[in-house]
């Protein structure tokens, strides 16, 4: 339909030019010519609006893509940061565990002599 309207507008314009600039004698013809002009302007406006919408959709897609990329980057940075903290805590716990085990071993070694004396005294009481 759009192509037909364009053809009608061109035909009406050509006819008006062929009149040699004289005013159309028929009121009906003038109304039809105005209708065609308005139809052409509406068609042009629709095409322009479609172009604007298409551009807006492209821009929106770019914005969404950039937001996705930014979100992924932030998530990766957060993950790295949290993993570094978790590794640091694990290392700290491991070091404190080694220290506690060493303390327990030292305490046990220092009490071995006491334990041996206690057991010997229980088995062989002193005469007396």
C-alpha atoms as a PDB file:
ATOM      1  CA  UNK A   1       0.000   0.000   0.000  1.00  0.00           C
ATOM      2  CA  UNK A   2       2.836   2.421   0.797  1.00  0.00           C
ATOM      3  CA  UNK A   3       4.265   2.167  -2.698  1.00  0.00           C
ATOM      4  CA  UNK A   4       0.819   2.780  -4.179  1.00  0.00           C
ATOM      5  CA  UNK A   5       0.400   5.960  -2.110  1.00  0.00           C
ATOM      6  CA  UNK A   6       3.813   7.183  -3.239  1.00  0.00           C
ATOM      7  CA  UNK A   7       2.859   6.535  -6.873  1.00  0.00           C
ATOM      8  CA  UNK A   8      -0.397   8.444  -6.406  1.00  0.00           C
ATOM      9  CA  UNK A   9       1.448  11.383  -4.883  1.00  0.00           C
ATOM     10  CA  UNK A  10       3.917  11.447  -7.764  1.00  0.00           C
ATOM     11  CA  UNK A  11       1.094  11.184 -10.292  1.00  0.00           C
ATOM     12  CA  UNK A  12      -0.844  14.003  -8.666  1.00  0.00           C
ATOM     13  CA  UNK A  13       2.266  16.197  -8.536  1.00  0.00           C
ATOM     14  CA  UNK A  14       2.984  15.508 -12.204  1.00  0.00           C
ATOM     15  CA  UNK A  15      -0.609  16.324 -13.112  1.00  0.00           C
ATOM     16  CA  UNK A  16      -0.480  19.575 -11.162  1.00  0.00           C
ATOM     17  CA  UNK A  17       2.725  20.560 -12.995  1.00  0.00           C
ATOM     18  CA  UNK A  18       1.155  19.695 -16.355  1.00  0.00           C
ATOM     19  CA  UNK A  19      -1.668  22.131 -15.618  1.00  0.00           C
ATOM     20  CA  UNK A  20       0.932  24.809 -16.030  1.00  0.00           C
ATOM     21  CA  UNK A  21       0.496  26.048 -12.481  1.00  0.00           C
ATOM     22  CA  UNK A  22      -3.206  26.701 -12.984  1.00  0.00           C
ATOM     23  CA  UNK A  23      -5.465  25.971 -10.121  1.00  0.00           C
ATOM     24  CA  UNK A  24      -7.428  22.742 -10.410  1.00  0.00           C
ATOM     25  CA  UNK A  25     -10.975  23.482 -11.365  1.00  0.00           C
ATOM     26  CA  UNK A  26     -12.409  20.685  -9.357  1.00  0.00           C
ATOM     27  CA  UNK A  27     -12.753  21.005  -5.602  1.00  0.00           C
ATOM     28  CA  UNK A  28     -12.828  17.229  -5.383  1.00  0.00           C
ATOM     29  CA  UNK A  29      -9.471  17.047  -7.132  1.00  0.00           C
ATOM     30  CA  UNK A  30      -7.985  19.531  -4.663  1.00  0.00           C
ATOM     31  CA  UNK A  31      -9.262  17.468  -1.720  1.00  0.00           C
ATOM     32  CA  UNK A  32      -7.801  14.302  -3.234  1.00  0.00           C
ATOM     33  CA  UNK A  33      -4.467  16.016  -3.763  1.00  0.00           C
ATOM     34  CA  UNK A  34      -4.387  17.161  -0.109  1.00  0.00           C
ATOM     35  CA  UNK A  35      -5.267  13.633   1.011  1.00  0.00           C
ATOM     36  CA  UNK A  36      -2.367  12.291  -1.004  1.00  0.00           C
ATOM     37  CA  UNK A  37       0.016  14.906   0.421  1.00  0.00           C
ATOM     38  CA  UNK A  38      -1.071  14.061   3.967  1.00  0.00           C
ATOM     39  CA  UNK A  39      -0.791  10.330   3.253  1.00  0.00           C
ATOM     40  CA  UNK A  40       2.754  10.920   2.031  1.00  0.00           C
ATOM     41  CA  UNK A  41       3.642  12.872   5.154  1.00  0.00           C
ATOM     42  CA  UNK A  42       2.133  10.145   7.353  1.00  0.00           C
ATOM     43  CA  UNK A  43       4.124   7.518   5.479  1.00  0.00           C
ATOM     44  CA  UNK A  44       7.298   9.545   5.836  1.00  0.00           C
ATOM     45  CA  UNK A  45       6.630  10.018   9.554  1.00  0.00           C
ATOM     46  CA  UNK A  46       6.043   6.278  10.007  1.00  0.00           C
ATOM     47  CA  UNK A  47       9.332   5.466   8.309  1.00  0.00           C
ATOM     48  CA  UNK A  48      11.140   8.018  10.435  1.00  0.00           C
ATOM     49  CA  UNK A  49       9.541   6.606  13.601  1.00  0.00           C
ATOM     50  CA  UNK A  50      10.525   3.081  12.595  1.00  0.00           C
ATOM     51  CA  UNK A  51      14.098   4.272  12.127  1.00  0.00           C
ATOM     52  CA  UNK A  52      14.089   5.915  15.554  1.00  0.00           C
ATOM     53  CA  UNK A  53      12.708   2.751  17.165  1.00  0.00           C
ATOM     54  CA  UNK A  54      15.293   0.602  15.379  1.00  0.00           C
ATOM     55  CA  UNK A  55      18.105   2.881  16.572  1.00  0.00           C
ATOM     56  CA  UNK A  56      16.728   2.811  20.123  1.00  0.00           C
ATOM     57  CA  UNK A  57      16.621  -0.992  20.057  1.00  0.00           C
ATOM     58  CA  UNK A  58      20.228  -1.136  18.868  1.00  0.00           C
ATOM     59  CA  UNK A  59      21.317   1.248  21.610  1.00  0.00           C
ATOM     60  CA  UNK A  60      19.368  -0.744  24.199  1.00  0.00           C
ATOM     61  CA  UNK A  61      21.054  -3.959  23.061  1.00  0.00           C
ATOM     62  CA  UNK A  62      24.464  -2.314  23.420  1.00  0.00           C
ATOM     63  CA  UNK A  63      23.572  -1.077  26.908  1.00  0.00           C
ATOM     64  CA  UNK A  64      22.391  -4.541  27.952  1.00  0.00           C
ATOM     65  CA  UNK A  65      25.573  -6.116  26.549  1.00  0.00           C
ATOM     66  CA  UNK A  66      27.765  -3.613  28.398  1.00  0.00           C
ATOM     67  CA  UNK A  67      25.827  -4.205  31.623  1.00  0.00           C
ATOM     68  CA  UNK A  68      26.258  -7.968  31.251  1.00  0.00           C
ATOM     69  CA  UNK A  69      29.983  -7.602  30.682  1.00  0.00           C
ATOM     70  CA  UNK A  70      30.326  -5.234  33.625  1.00  0.00           C
ATOM     71  CA  UNK A  71      28.351  -7.600  35.866  1.00  0.00           C
ATOM     72  CA  UNK A  72      30.517 -10.556  34.885  1.00  0.00           C
ATOM     73  CA  UNK A  73      33.668  -8.549  35.529  1.00  0.00           C
ATOM     74  CA  UNK A  74      32.428  -7.436  38.953  1.00  0.00           C
ATOM     75  CA  UNK A  75      31.440 -10.991  39.853  1.00  0.00           C
ATOM     76  CA  UNK A  76      34.888 -12.270  38.876  1.00  0.00           C
ATOM     77  CA  UNK A  77      36.590  -9.558  40.932  1.00  0.00           C
ATOM     78  CA  UNK A  78      34.366 -10.347  43.925  1.00  0.00           C
ATOM     79  CA  UNK A  79      35.113 -14.067  43.571  1.00  0.00           C
ATOM     80  CA  UNK A  80      38.885 -13.460  43.444  1.00  0.00           C
ATOM     81  CA  UNK A  81      38.719 -11.178  46.482  1.00  0.00           C
ATOM     82  CA  UNK A  82      36.667 -13.648  48.516  1.00  0.00           C
ATOM     83  CA  UNK A  83      38.885 -16.574  47.499  1.00  0.00           C
ATOM     84  CA  UNK A  84      41.980 -14.634  48.590  1.00  0.00           C
ATOM     85  CA  UNK A  85      40.362 -13.941  51.971  1.00  0.00           C
ATOM     86  CA  UNK A  86      39.332 -17.589  52.347  1.00  0.00           C
ATOM     87  CA  UNK A  87      42.851 -18.762  51.487  1.00  0.00           C
ATOM     88  CA  UNK A  88      44.325 -16.319  54.002  1.00  0.00           C
ATOM     89  CA  UNK A  89      41.958 -17.598  56.704  1.00  0.00           C
ATOM     90  CA  UNK A  90      42.781 -21.213  55.839  1.00  0.00           C
ATOM     91  CA  UNK A  91      46.513 -20.475  56.090  1.00  0.00           C
ATOM     92  CA  UNK A  92      45.977 -18.744  59.435  1.00  0.00           C
ATOM     93  CA  UNK A  93      43.945 -21.679  60.800  1.00  0.00           C
ATOM     94  CA  UNK A  94      46.554 -24.132  59.554  1.00  0.00           C
ATOM     95  CA  UNK A  95      49.365 -22.178  61.230  1.00  0.00           C
ATOM     96  CA  UNK A  96      47.476 -21.895  64.522  1.00  0.00           C
ATOM     97  CA  UNK A  97      46.699 -25.621  64.428  1.00  0.00           C
ATOM     98  CA  UNK A  98      50.375 -26.476  63.935  1.00  0.00           C
ATOM     99  CA  UNK A  99      51.253 -24.219  66.889  1.00  0.00           C
ATOM    100  CA  UNK A 100      48.617 -25.816  69.127  1.00  0.00           C
ATOM    101  CA  UNK A 101      49.744 -29.342  68.184  1.00  0.00           C
ATOM    102  CA  UNK A 102      53.335 -28.350  69.004  1.00  0.00           C
ATOM    103  CA  UNK A 103      52.243 -26.916  72.379  1.00  0.00           C
ATOM    104  CA  UNK A 104      50.320 -30.101  73.215  1.00  0.00           C
ATOM    105  CA  UNK A 105      53.289 -32.283  72.231  1.00  0.00           C
ATOM    106  CA  UNK A 106      55.639 -30.190  74.391  1.00  0.00           C
ATOM    107  CA  UNK A 107      53.252 -30.343  77.342  1.00  0.00           C
ATOM    108  CA  UNK A 108      52.919 -34.111  76.942  1.00  0.00           C
ATOM    109  CA  UNK A 109      56.694 -34.584  76.788  1.00  0.00           C
ATOM    110  CA  UNK A 110      57.221 -32.505  79.917  1.00  0.00           C
ATOM    111  CA  UNK A 111      54.698 -34.641  81.810  1.00  0.00           C
ATOM    112  CA  UNK A 112      55.972 -38.048  80.643  1.00  0.00           C
ATOM    113  CA  UNK A 113      58.443 -38.225  83.542  1.00  0.00           C
ATOM    114  CA  UNK A 114      55.675 -37.332  85.996  1.00  0.00           C
ATOM    115  CA  UNK A 115      53.343 -39.947  84.482  1.00  0.00           C
ATOM    116  CA  UNK A 116      56.035 -42.660  84.637  1.00  0.00           C
ATOM    117  CA  UNK A 117      56.743 -41.879  88.297  1.00  0.00           C
ATOM    118  CA  UNK A 118      53.013 -41.966  89.085  1.00  0.00           C
ATOM    119  CA  UNK A 119      52.511 -45.322  87.373  1.00  0.00           C
ATOM    120  CA  UNK A 120      55.585 -46.823  89.029  1.00  0.00           C
ATOM    121  CA  UNK A 121      54.418 -45.624  92.450  1.00  0.00           C
ATOM    122  CA  UNK A 122      50.988 -47.126  91.849  1.00  0.00           C
ATOM    123  CA  UNK A 123      52.420 -50.464  90.834  1.00  0.00           C
ATOM    124  CA  UNK A 124      55.201 -50.561  93.397  1.00  0.00           C
ATOM    125  CA  UNK A 125      54.260 -48.597  96.439  1.00  0.00           C
ATOM    126  CA  UNK A 126      57.134 -47.432  98.604  1.00  0.00           C
ATOM    127  CA  UNK A 127      57.785 -49.542 101.552  1.00  0.00           C
ATOM    128  CA  UNK A 128      57.374 -47.848 104.567  1.00  0.00           C
END
